[in-house]
Amino acid sequence: MAKDRKFFNCSEKHEIEHLAKKFRGDKQEVIAKIEELCKNKKIHYSTHKEAEQALINAGFTKK
C-alpha cells in the first residue's frame, strides 16, 4: 500500500517519533504537540508535509 505511505498516521508511534526527530527543541514537547494536533484532527488525514507545516505553524523549527 504505497499510497498510504504519503499520509501521516496519528495512530503509529513510529511515525510520531520520526516526525518529532525532524524538529529542534525538547522531543517530548514536540511529541505532545503532535499528539494534540492529532487529537484535535488538525493533522488527521494529512500528508507528511502538511503535518510538518502544522508544527512549523505552531512555532517549532525544523532541523
Protein backbone atom coordinates (compact mmCIF):
# COMPACT_ATOMS: atom_id res chain seq x y z
CA MET A 1 0.00 0.00 0.00
CA ALA A 2 2.42 2.66 -1.15
CA LYS A 3 -0.46 5.13 -1.37
CA ASP A 4 -0.84 5.05 2.44
CA ARG A 5 2.81 5.98 2.93
CA LYS A 6 2.24 9.57 1.86
CA PHE A 7 -0.24 10.15 4.69
CA PHE A 8 0.71 10.80 8.29
CA ASN A 9 -0.81 8.19 10.60
CA CYS A 10 -1.53 9.53 14.10
CA SER A 11 -2.02 6.02 15.47
CA GLU A 12 1.52 4.92 14.59
CA LYS A 13 4.01 5.73 17.36
CA HIS A 14 6.99 5.34 14.99
CA GLU A 15 5.55 8.00 12.66
CA ILE A 16 5.10 10.43 15.56
CA GLU A 17 8.69 9.74 16.70
CA HIS A 18 10.03 10.18 13.15
CA LEU A 19 8.24 13.50 12.71
CA ALA A 20 9.40 14.74 16.11
CA LYS A 21 13.04 14.00 15.25
CA LYS A 22 12.83 16.47 12.35
CA PHE A 23 12.32 19.40 14.74
CA ARG A 24 14.51 21.31 17.19
CA GLY A 25 13.75 21.56 20.88
CA ASP A 26 12.59 19.14 23.54
CA LYS A 27 11.47 15.94 21.83
CA GLN A 28 8.72 15.28 24.39
CA GLU A 29 7.33 18.79 23.83
CA VAL A 30 7.25 18.20 20.07
CA ILE A 31 5.58 14.80 20.55
CA ALA A 32 2.99 16.35 22.88
CA LYS A 33 2.16 18.94 20.22
CA ILE A 34 1.87 16.27 17.52
CA GLU A 35 -0.48 14.28 19.75
CA GLU A 36 -2.53 17.43 20.42
CA LEU A 37 -2.75 18.15 16.67
CA CYS A 38 -3.87 14.55 16.11
CA LYS A 39 -6.46 14.71 18.88
CA ASN A 40 -7.86 17.98 17.51
CA LYS A 41 -7.95 16.43 14.00
CA LYS A 42 -5.66 19.19 12.67
CA ILE A 43 -3.35 16.67 11.01
CA HIS A 44 -5.82 13.78 10.75
CA TYR A 45 -5.70 12.51 7.14
CA SER A 46 -2.91 14.93 6.27
CA THR A 47 0.22 14.29 4.26
CA HIS A 48 3.60 14.19 5.99
CA LYS A 49 4.39 17.59 4.51
CA GLU A 50 1.14 19.04 5.89
CA ALA A 51 1.92 17.56 9.32
CA GLU A 52 5.36 19.22 9.23
CA GLN A 53 3.78 22.52 8.21
CA ALA A 54 1.30 22.31 11.11
CA LEU A 55 4.24 22.03 13.54
CA ILE A 56 6.02 24.95 11.88
CA ASN A 57 2.80 26.98 12.19
CA ALA A 58 2.70 26.02 15.87
CA GLY A 59 6.12 27.65 16.34
CA PHE A 60 8.51 24.71 16.02
CA THR A 61 11.64 24.90 13.85
CA LYS A 62 12.86 22.14 11.54
CA LYS A 63 16.43 20.91 11.97
